[in-house]
PDB file of all heavy atoms in Angstrom:
ATOM      1  N   MET A   1    -125.300  23.202 -26.006  1.00  0.00           N
ATOM      2  CA  MET A   1    -124.127  22.750 -26.749  1.00  0.00           C
ATOM      3  C   MET A   1    -124.465  22.664 -28.233  1.00  0.00           C
ATOM      4  O   MET A   1    -125.517  22.129 -28.589  1.00  0.00           O
ATOM      5  CB  MET A   1    -123.686  21.353 -26.289  1.00  0.00           C
ATOM      6  CG  MET A   1    -123.204  21.224 -24.884  1.00  0.00           C
ATOM      7  SD  MET A   1    -122.698  19.486 -24.576  1.00  0.00           S
ATOM      8  CE  MET A   1    -122.299  19.571 -22.824  1.00  0.00           C
ATOM      9  N   PRO A   2    -123.578  23.143 -29.108  1.00  0.00           N
ATOM     10  CA  PRO A   2    -123.745  22.865 -30.541  1.00  0.00           C
ATOM     11  C   PRO A   2    -123.296  21.429 -30.825  1.00  0.00           C
ATOM     12  O   PRO A   2    -122.133  21.087 -30.607  1.00  0.00           O
ATOM     13  CB  PRO A   2    -122.818  23.890 -31.216  1.00  0.00           C
ATOM     14  CG  PRO A   2    -122.401  24.839 -30.131  1.00  0.00           C
ATOM     15  CD  PRO A   2    -122.486  24.077 -28.858  1.00  0.00           C
ATOM     16  N   LEU A   3    -124.224  20.581 -31.273  1.00  0.00           N
ATOM     17  CA  LEU A   3    -123.935  19.163 -31.477  1.00  0.00           C
ATOM     18  C   LEU A   3    -124.246  18.742 -32.899  1.00  0.00           C
ATOM     19  O   LEU A   3    -125.103  19.318 -33.571  1.00  0.00           O
ATOM     20  CB  LEU A   3    -124.761  18.304 -30.507  1.00  0.00           C
ATOM     21  CG  LEU A   3    -124.595  18.556 -29.004  1.00  0.00           C
ATOM     22  CD1 LEU A   3    -125.521  17.644 -28.220  1.00  0.00           C
ATOM     23  CD2 LEU A   3    -123.148  18.349 -28.571  1.00  0.00           C
ATOM     24  N   ALA A   4    -123.532  17.706 -33.348  1.00  0.00           N
ATOM     25  CA  ALA A   4    -123.788  17.095 -34.657  1.00  0.00           C
ATOM     26  C   ALA A   4    -123.541  15.605 -34.524  1.00  0.00           C
ATOM     27  O   ALA A   4    -122.790  15.157 -33.650  1.00  0.00           O
ATOM     28  CB  ALA A   4    -122.892  17.699 -35.732  1.00  0.00           C
ATOM     29  N   GLU A   5    -124.163  14.821 -35.403  1.00  0.00           N
ATOM     30  CA  GLU A   5    -124.021  13.361 -35.324  1.00  0.00           C
ATOM     31  C   GLU A   5    -123.898  12.757 -36.706  1.00  0.00           C
ATOM     32  O   GLU A   5    -124.551  13.190 -37.652  1.00  0.00           O
ATOM     33  CB  GLU A   5    -125.219  12.743 -34.601  1.00  0.00           C
ATOM     34  CG  GLU A   5    -125.139  11.212 -34.513  1.00  0.00           C
ATOM     35  CD  GLU A   5    -126.286  10.592 -33.739  1.00  0.00           C
ATOM     36  OE1 GLU A   5    -127.083  11.356 -33.148  1.00  0.00           O
ATOM     37  OE2 GLU A   5    -126.378   9.349 -33.725  1.00  0.00           O
ATOM     38  N   ARG A   6    -123.056  11.724 -36.801  1.00  0.00           N
ATOM     39  CA  ARG A   6    -122.921  10.901 -37.999  1.00  0.00           C
ATOM     40  C   ARG A   6    -122.733   9.449 -37.567  1.00  0.00           C
ATOM     41  O   ARG A   6    -122.406   9.164 -36.416  1.00  0.00           O
ATOM     42  CB  ARG A   6    -121.704  11.310 -38.837  1.00  0.00           C
ATOM     43  CG  ARG A   6    -121.767  12.667 -39.513  1.00  0.00           C
ATOM     44  CD  ARG A   6    -120.531  12.854 -40.366  1.00  0.00           C
ATOM     45  NE  ARG A   6    -120.440  14.183 -40.971  1.00  0.00           N
ATOM     46  CZ  ARG A   6    -119.424  14.581 -41.746  1.00  0.00           C
ATOM     47  NH1 ARG A   6    -118.417  13.732 -41.984  1.00  0.00           N
ATOM     48  NH2 ARG A   6    -119.407  15.785 -42.256  1.00  0.00           N
ATOM     49  N   GLY A   7    -122.894   8.543 -38.522  1.00  0.00           N
ATOM     50  CA  GLY A   7    -122.501   7.162 -38.313  1.00  0.00           C
ATOM     51  C   GLY A   7    -121.062   6.989 -38.769  1.00  0.00           C
ATOM     52  O   GLY A   7    -120.639   7.582 -39.761  1.00  0.00           O
ATOM     53  N   THR A   8    -120.298   6.186 -38.041  1.00  0.00           N
ATOM     54  CA  THR A   8    -118.882   5.987 -38.345  1.00  0.00           C
ATOM     55  C   THR A   8    -118.535   4.506 -38.264  1.00  0.00           C
ATOM     56  O   THR A   8    -118.964   3.820 -37.336  1.00  0.00           O
ATOM     57  CB  THR A   8    -117.998   6.774 -37.350  1.00  0.00           C
ATOM     58  OG1 THR A   8    -118.305   8.172 -37.457  1.00  0.00           O
ATOM     59  CG2 THR A   8    -116.513   6.567 -37.650  1.00  0.00           C
ATOM     60  N   ARG A   9    -117.771   4.026 -39.226  1.00  0.00           N
ATOM     61  CA  ARG A   9    -117.331   2.632 -39.204  1.00  0.00           C
ATOM     62  C   ARG A   9    -115.912   2.548 -38.665  1.00  0.00           C
ATOM     63  O   ARG A   9    -115.007   3.246 -39.134  1.00  0.00           O
ATOM     64  CB  ARG A   9    -117.390   2.022 -40.609  1.00  0.00           C
ATOM     65  CG  ARG A   9    -117.064   0.525 -40.619  1.00  0.00           C
ATOM     66  CD  ARG A   9    -117.195  -0.066 -42.018  1.00  0.00           C
ATOM     67  NE  ARG A   9    -118.556   0.048 -42.531  1.00  0.00           N
ATOM     68  CZ  ARG A   9    -119.539  -0.773 -42.202  1.00  0.00           C
ATOM     69  NH1 ARG A   9    -119.321  -1.763 -41.350  1.00  0.00           N
ATOM     70  NH2 ARG A   9    -120.742  -0.610 -42.720  1.00  0.00           N
ATOM     71  N   LEU A  10    -115.718   1.704 -37.661  1.00  0.00           N
ATOM     72  CA  LEU A  10    -114.395   1.464 -37.100  1.00  0.00           C
ATOM     73  C   LEU A  10    -113.882   0.137 -37.644  1.00  0.00           C
ATOM     74  O   LEU A  10    -114.523  -0.905 -37.437  1.00  0.00           O
ATOM     75  CB  LEU A  10    -114.458   1.415 -35.572  1.00  0.00           C
ATOM     76  CG  LEU A  10    -114.974   2.678 -34.868  1.00  0.00           C
ATOM     77  CD1 LEU A  10    -114.956   2.477 -33.361  1.00  0.00           C
ATOM     78  CD2 LEU A  10    -114.136   3.892 -35.243  1.00  0.00           C
ATOM     79  N   GLY A  11    -112.750   0.169 -38.345  1.00  0.00           N
ATOM     80  CA  GLY A  11    -112.232  -1.044 -38.942  1.00  0.00           C
ATOM     81  C   GLY A  11    -113.162  -1.537 -40.033  1.00  0.00           C
ATOM     82  O   GLY A  11    -113.682  -0.776 -40.833  1.00  0.00           O
ATOM     83  N   GLN A  12    -113.415  -2.852 -40.046  1.00  0.00           N
ATOM     84  CA  GLN A  12    -114.256  -3.444 -41.077  1.00  0.00           C
ATOM     85  C   GLN A  12    -115.661  -3.789 -40.593  1.00  0.00           C
ATOM     86  O   GLN A  12    -116.587  -3.879 -41.401  1.00  0.00           O
ATOM     87  CB  GLN A  12    -113.583  -4.722 -41.601  1.00  0.00           C
ATOM     88  CG  GLN A  12    -112.238  -4.489 -42.250  1.00  0.00           C
ATOM     89  CD  GLN A  12    -112.348  -3.634 -43.507  1.00  0.00           C
ATOM     90  OE1 GLN A  12    -113.287  -3.758 -44.283  1.00  0.00           O
ATOM     91  NE2 GLN A  12    -111.374  -2.745 -43.691  1.00  0.00           N
ATOM     92  N   ASP A  13    -115.822  -3.983 -39.282  1.00  0.00           N
ATOM     93  CA  ASP A  13    -117.064  -4.588 -38.804  1.00  0.00           C
ATOM     94  C   ASP A  13    -117.876  -3.741 -37.836  1.00  0.00           C
ATOM     95  O   ASP A  13    -119.050  -4.020 -37.628  1.00  0.00           O
ATOM     96  CB  ASP A  13    -116.760  -5.930 -38.113  1.00  0.00           C
ATOM     97  CG  ASP A  13    -116.008  -6.876 -39.033  1.00  0.00           C
ATOM     98  OD1 ASP A  13    -116.376  -6.949 -40.201  1.00  0.00           O
ATOM     99  OD2 ASP A  13    -115.064  -7.530 -38.562  1.00  0.00           O
ATOM    100  N   VAL A  14    -117.276  -2.748 -37.196  1.00  0.00           N
ATOM    101  CA  VAL A  14    -117.952  -2.061 -36.088  1.00  0.00           C
ATOM    102  C   VAL A  14    -118.538  -0.730 -36.566  1.00  0.00           C
ATOM    103  O   VAL A  14    -117.799   0.167 -36.994  1.00  0.00           O
ATOM    104  CB  VAL A  14    -116.981  -1.813 -34.916  1.00  0.00           C
ATOM    105  CG1 VAL A  14    -117.719  -1.179 -33.745  1.00  0.00           C
ATOM    106  CG2 VAL A  14    -116.344  -3.130 -34.477  1.00  0.00           C
ATOM    107  N   TRP A  15    -119.852  -0.606 -36.486  1.00  0.00           N
ATOM    108  CA  TRP A  15    -120.545   0.625 -36.854  1.00  0.00           C
ATOM    109  C   TRP A  15    -120.980   1.319 -35.566  1.00  0.00           C
ATOM    110  O   TRP A  15    -121.638   0.719 -34.714  1.00  0.00           O
ATOM    111  CB  TRP A  15    -121.756   0.307 -37.730  1.00  0.00           C
ATOM    112  CG  TRP A  15    -122.470   1.529 -38.215  1.00  0.00           C
ATOM    113  CD1 TRP A  15    -123.614   2.056 -37.711  1.00  0.00           C
ATOM    114  CD2 TRP A  15    -122.079   2.385 -39.292  1.00  0.00           C
ATOM    115  NE1 TRP A  15    -123.958   3.188 -38.403  1.00  0.00           N
ATOM    116  CE2 TRP A  15    -123.035   3.414 -39.390  1.00  0.00           C
ATOM    117  CE3 TRP A  15    -121.011   2.384 -40.187  1.00  0.00           C
ATOM    118  CZ2 TRP A  15    -122.969   4.428 -40.338  1.00  0.00           C
ATOM    119  CZ3 TRP A  15    -120.941   3.388 -41.131  1.00  0.00           C
ATOM    120  CH2 TRP A  15    -121.902   4.389 -41.202  1.00  0.00           C
ATOM    121  N   VAL A  16    -120.591   2.578 -35.393  1.00  0.00           N
ATOM    122  CA  VAL A  16    -120.873   3.299 -34.156  1.00  0.00           C
ATOM    123  C   VAL A  16    -121.474   4.664 -34.476  1.00  0.00           C
ATOM    124  O   VAL A  16    -121.441   5.139 -35.608  1.00  0.00           O
ATOM    125  CB  VAL A  16    -119.584   3.498 -33.319  1.00  0.00           C
ATOM    126  CG1 VAL A  16    -118.984   2.168 -32.913  1.00  0.00           C
ATOM    127  CG2 VAL A  16    -118.563   4.346 -34.077  1.00  0.00           C
ATOM    128  N   ARG A  17    -122.019   5.287 -33.440  1.00  0.00           N
ATOM    129  CA  ARG A  17    -122.466   6.667 -33.550  1.00  0.00           C
ATOM    130  C   ARG A  17    -121.299   7.581 -33.178  1.00  0.00           C
ATOM    131  O   ARG A  17    -120.610   7.316 -32.191  1.00  0.00           O
ATOM    132  CB  ARG A  17    -123.629   6.933 -32.594  1.00  0.00           C
ATOM    133  CG  ARG A  17    -124.842   6.101 -32.837  1.00  0.00           C
ATOM    134  CD  ARG A  17    -125.851   6.261 -31.724  1.00  0.00           C
ATOM    135  NE  ARG A  17    -126.433   7.602 -31.703  1.00  0.00           N
ATOM    136  CZ  ARG A  17    -127.296   8.017 -30.774  1.00  0.00           C
ATOM    137  NH1 ARG A  17    -127.642   7.192 -29.788  1.00  0.00           N
ATOM    138  NH2 ARG A  17    -127.803   9.237 -30.824  1.00  0.00           N
ATOM    139  N   GLU A  18    -121.102   8.628 -33.946  1.00  0.00           N
ATOM    140  CA  GLU A  18    -120.112   9.639 -33.593  1.00  0.00           C
ATOM    141  C   GLU A  18    -120.850  10.953 -33.371  1.00  0.00           C
ATOM    142  O   GLU A  18    -121.534  11.459 -34.261  1.00  0.00           O
ATOM    143  CB  GLU A  18    -119.053   9.816 -34.676  1.00  0.00           C
ATOM    144  CG  GLU A  18    -118.015  10.868 -34.291  1.00  0.00           C
ATOM    145  CD  GLU A  18    -116.832  10.940 -35.245  1.00  0.00           C
ATOM    146  OE1 GLU A  18    -116.846  10.199 -36.253  1.00  0.00           O
ATOM    147  OE2 GLU A  18    -115.914  11.735 -34.987  1.00  0.00           O
ATOM    148  N   ILE A  19    -120.723  11.483 -32.161  1.00  0.00           N
ATOM    149  CA  ILE A  19    -121.375  12.742 -31.795  1.00  0.00           C
ATOM    150  C   ILE A  19    -120.288  13.747 -31.449  1.00  0.00           C
ATOM    151  O   ILE A  19    -119.398  13.455 -30.650  1.00  0.00           O
ATOM    152  CB  ILE A  19    -122.324  12.538 -30.608  1.00  0.00           C
ATOM    153  CG1 ILE A  19    -123.399  11.514 -30.975  1.00  0.00           C
ATOM    154  CG2 ILE A  19    -122.972  13.852 -30.198  1.00  0.00           C
ATOM    155  CD1 ILE A  19    -124.275  11.102 -29.824  1.00  0.00           C
ATOM    156  N   ARG A  20    -120.368  14.915 -32.066  1.00  0.00           N
ATOM    157  CA  ARG A  20    -119.346  15.941 -31.828  1.00  0.00           C
ATOM    158  C   ARG A  20    -119.955  17.194 -31.214  1.00  0.00           C
ATOM    159  O   ARG A  20    -121.074  17.582 -31.548  1.00  0.00           O
ATOM    160  CB  ARG A  20    -118.639  16.313 -33.127  1.00  0.00           C
ATOM    161  CG  ARG A  20    -117.772  15.202 -33.685  1.00  0.00           C
ATOM    162  CD  ARG A  20    -116.866  15.721 -34.777  1.00  0.00           C
ATOM    163  NE  ARG A  20    -116.124  14.651 -35.430  1.00  0.00           N
ATOM    164  CZ  ARG A  20    -115.203  14.850 -36.360  1.00  0.00           C
ATOM    165  NH1 ARG A  20    -114.914  16.093 -36.759  1.00  0.00           N
ATOM    166  NH2 ARG A  20    -114.571  13.834 -36.910  1.00  0.00           N
ATOM    167  N   LYS A  21    -119.169  17.795 -30.337  1.00  0.00           N
ATOM    168  CA  LYS A  21    -119.516  19.091 -29.761  1.00  0.00           C
ATOM    169  C   LYS A  21    -118.578  20.147 -30.336  1.00  0.00           C
ATOM    170  O   LYS A  21    -117.369  19.939 -30.399  1.00  0.00           O
ATOM    171  CB  LYS A  21    -119.373  19.053 -28.233  1.00  0.00           C
ATOM    172  CG  LYS A  21    -119.509  20.422 -27.572  1.00  0.00           C
ATOM    173  CD  LYS A  21    -119.073  20.381 -26.123  1.00  0.00           C
ATOM    174  CE  LYS A  21    -119.033  21.788 -25.539  1.00  0.00           C
ATOM    175  NZ  LYS A  21    -118.511  21.790 -24.142  1.00  0.00           N
ATOM    176  N   LEU A  22    -119.139  21.265 -30.765  1.00  0.00           N
ATOM    177  CA  LEU A  22    -118.345  22.374 -31.279  1.00  0.00           C
ATOM    178  C   LEU A  22    -118.100  23.351 -30.140  1.00  0.00           C
ATOM    179  O   LEU A  22    -119.036  23.916 -29.567  1.00  0.00           O
ATOM    180  CB  LEU A  22    -119.082  23.069 -32.429  1.00  0.00           C
ATOM    181  CG  LEU A  22    -118.365  24.245 -33.106  1.00  0.00           C
ATOM    182  CD1 LEU A  22    -117.110  23.762 -33.810  1.00  0.00           C
ATOM    183  CD2 LEU A  22    -119.302  24.936 -34.089  1.00  0.00           C
ATOM    184  N   THR A  23    -116.819  23.554 -29.767  1.00  0.00           N
ATOM    185  CA  THR A  23    -116.494  24.435 -28.653  1.00  0.00           C
ATOM    186  C   THR A  23    -116.443  25.891 -29.103  1.00  0.00           C
ATOM    187  O   THR A  23    -116.470  26.195 -30.299  1.00  0.00           O
ATOM    188  CB  THR A  23    -115.141  24.056 -28.034  1.00  0.00           C
ATOM    189  OG1 THR A  23    -114.092  24.323 -28.993  1.00  0.00           O
ATOM    190  CG2 THR A  23    -115.103  22.574 -27.663  1.00  0.00           C
ATOM    191  N   ASP A  24    -116.346  26.793 -28.132  1.00  0.00           N
ATOM    192  CA  ASP A  24    -116.296  28.220 -28.441  1.00  0.00           C
ATOM    193  C   ASP A  24    -115.062  28.586 -29.249  1.00  0.00           C
ATOM    194  O   ASP A  24    -115.057  29.574 -29.989  1.00  0.00           O
ATOM    195  CB  ASP A  24    -116.316  29.039 -27.137  1.00  0.00           C
ATOM    196  CG  ASP A  24    -117.635  28.900 -26.400  1.00  0.00           C
ATOM    197  OD1 ASP A  24    -118.635  28.552 -27.069  1.00  0.00           O
ATOM    198  OD2 ASP A  24    -117.670  29.116 -25.174  1.00  0.00           O
ATOM    199  N   THR A  25    -113.992  27.801 -29.120  1.00  0.00           N
ATOM    200  CA  THR A  25    -112.760  28.086 -29.856  1.00  0.00           C
ATOM    201  C   THR A  25    -112.752  27.484 -31.252  1.00  0.00           C
ATOM    202  O   THR A  25    -111.789  27.633 -31.996  1.00  0.00           O
ATOM    203  CB  THR A  25    -111.548  27.543 -29.079  1.00  0.00           C
ATOM    204  OG1 THR A  25    -111.669  26.118 -28.946  1.00  0.00           O
ATOM    205  CG2 THR A  25    -111.461  28.177 -27.692  1.00  0.00           C
ATOM    206  N   GLY A  26    -113.833  26.768 -31.616  1.00  0.00           N
ATOM    207  CA  GLY A  26    -113.887  26.125 -32.924  1.00  0.00           C
ATOM    208  C   GLY A  26    -113.395  24.696 -32.918  1.00  0.00           C
ATOM    209  O   GLY A  26    -113.480  24.005 -33.937  1.00  0.00           O
ATOM    210  N   HIS A  27    -112.893  24.234 -31.763  1.00  0.00           N
ATOM    211  CA  HIS A  27    -112.403  22.860 -31.658  1.00  0.00           C
ATOM    212  C   HIS A  27    -113.587  21.900 -31.580  1.00  0.00           C
ATOM    213  O   HIS A  27    -114.633  22.235 -31.018  1.00  0.00           O
ATOM    214  CB  HIS A  27    -111.542  22.721 -30.405  1.00  0.00           C
ATOM    215  CG  HIS A  27    -110.936  21.368 -30.241  1.00  0.00           C
ATOM    216  ND1 HIS A  27    -110.062  20.824 -31.142  1.00  0.00           N
ATOM    217  CD2 HIS A  27    -111.082  20.442 -29.263  1.00  0.00           C
ATOM    218  CE1 HIS A  27    -109.682  19.636 -30.727  1.00  0.00           C
ATOM    219  NE2 HIS A  27    -110.301  19.373 -29.588  1.00  0.00           N
ATOM    220  N   GLN A  28    -113.452  20.711 -32.152  1.00  0.00           N
ATOM    221  CA  GLN A  28    -114.517  19.713 -32.138  1.00  0.00           C
ATOM    222  C   GLN A  28    -114.136  18.543 -31.245  1.00  0.00           C
ATOM    223  O   GLN A  28    -113.075  17.941 -31.423  1.00  0.00           O
ATOM    224  CB  GLN A  28    -114.812  19.235 -33.560  1.00  0.00           C
ATOM    225  CG  GLN A  28    -115.346  20.338 -34.458  1.00  0.00           C
ATOM    226  CD  GLN A  28    -115.710  19.856 -35.846  1.00  0.00           C
ATOM    227  OE1 GLN A  28    -115.794  18.652 -36.107  1.00  0.00           O
ATOM    228  NE2 GLN A  28    -115.932  20.802 -36.760  1.00  0.00           N
ATOM    229  N   VAL A  29    -114.987  18.253 -30.264  1.00  0.00           N
ATOM    230  CA  VAL A  29    -114.793  17.138 -29.338  1.00  0.00           C
ATOM    231  C   VAL A  29    -115.709  16.006 -29.771  1.00  0.00           C
ATOM    232  O   VAL A  29    -116.909  16.208 -29.948  1.00  0.00           O
ATOM    233  CB  VAL A  29    -115.103  17.561 -27.893  1.00  0.00           C
ATOM    234  CG1 VAL A  29    -114.896  16.379 -26.942  1.00  0.00           C
ATOM    235  CG2 VAL A  29    -114.229  18.729 -27.474  1.00  0.00           C
ATOM    236  N   SER A  30    -115.141  14.807 -29.925  1.00  0.00           N
ATOM    237  CA  SER A  30    -115.899  13.692 -30.490  1.00  0.00           C
ATOM    238  C   SER A  30    -116.095  12.580 -29.465  1.00  0.00           C
ATOM    239  O   SER A  30    -115.180  12.227 -28.724  1.00  0.00           O
ATOM    240  CB  SER A  30    -115.159  13.119 -31.719  1.00  0.00           C
ATOM    241  OG  SER A  30    -115.799  11.961 -32.187  1.00  0.00           O
ATOM    242  N   ILE A  31    -117.327  12.041 -29.436  1.00  0.00           N
ATOM    243  CA  ILE A  31    -117.665  10.890 -28.606  1.00  0.00           C
ATOM    244  C   ILE A  31    -118.132   9.766 -29.532  1.00  0.00           C
ATOM    245  O   ILE A  31    -118.944   9.986 -30.437  1.00  0.00           O
ATOM    246  CB  ILE A  31    -118.794  11.231 -27.612  1.00  0.00           C
ATOM    247  CG1 ILE A  31    -118.319  12.262 -26.593  1.00  0.00           C
ATOM    248  CG2 ILE A  31    -119.299   9.982 -26.906  1.00  0.00           C
ATOM    249  CD1 ILE A  31    -117.339  11.735 -25.580  1.00  0.00           C
ATOM    250  N   LEU A  32    -117.620   8.562 -29.315  1.00  0.00           N
ATOM    251  CA  LEU A  32    -118.070   7.382 -30.047  1.00  0.00           C
ATOM    252  C   LEU A  32    -118.936   6.532 -29.113  1.00  0.00           C
ATOM    253  O   LEU A  32    -118.582   6.336 -27.953  1.00  0.00           O
ATOM    254  CB  LEU A  32    -116.884   6.552 -30.543  1.00  0.00           C
ATOM    255  CG  LEU A  32    -115.913   7.247 -31.493  1.00  0.00           C
ATOM    256  CD1 LEU A  32    -114.778   6.299 -31.858  1.00  0.00           C
ATOM    257  CD2 LEU A  32    -116.630   7.728 -32.755  1.00  0.00           C
ATOM    258  N   SER A  33    -120.051   6.027 -29.620  1.00  0.00           N
ATOM    259  CA  SER A  33    -120.945   5.247 -28.770  1.00  0.00           C
ATOM    260  C   SER A  33    -121.619   4.146 -29.584  1.00  0.00           C
ATOM    261  O   SER A  33    -121.938   4.336 -30.757  1.00  0.00           O
ATOM    262  CB  SER A  33    -122.020   6.161 -28.154  1.00  0.00           C
ATOM    263  OG  SER A  33    -122.954   5.399 -27.402  1.00  0.00           O
ATOM    264  N   THR A  34    -121.831   2.987 -28.933  1.00  0.00           N
ATOM    265  CA  THR A  34    -122.604   1.909 -29.545  1.00  0.00           C
ATOM    266  C   THR A  34    -124.022   1.881 -29.000  1.00  0.00           C
ATOM    267  O   THR A  34    -124.753   0.920 -29.223  1.00  0.00           O
ATOM    268  CB  THR A  34    -121.932   0.548 -29.298  1.00  0.00           C
ATOM    269  OG1 THR A  34    -121.784   0.339 -27.879  1.00  0.00           O
ATOM    270  CG2 THR A  34    -120.573   0.470 -29.963  1.00  0.00           C
TER     271      THR A  34
END
């Protein structure tokens, strides 16, 4: 899988990991995780 990761802030207080998969069609699927 082509994957990428960044840190993402939800609202004011919650910091999470955001991991995205790049599909064959160019669409990006995102997962948020603590």
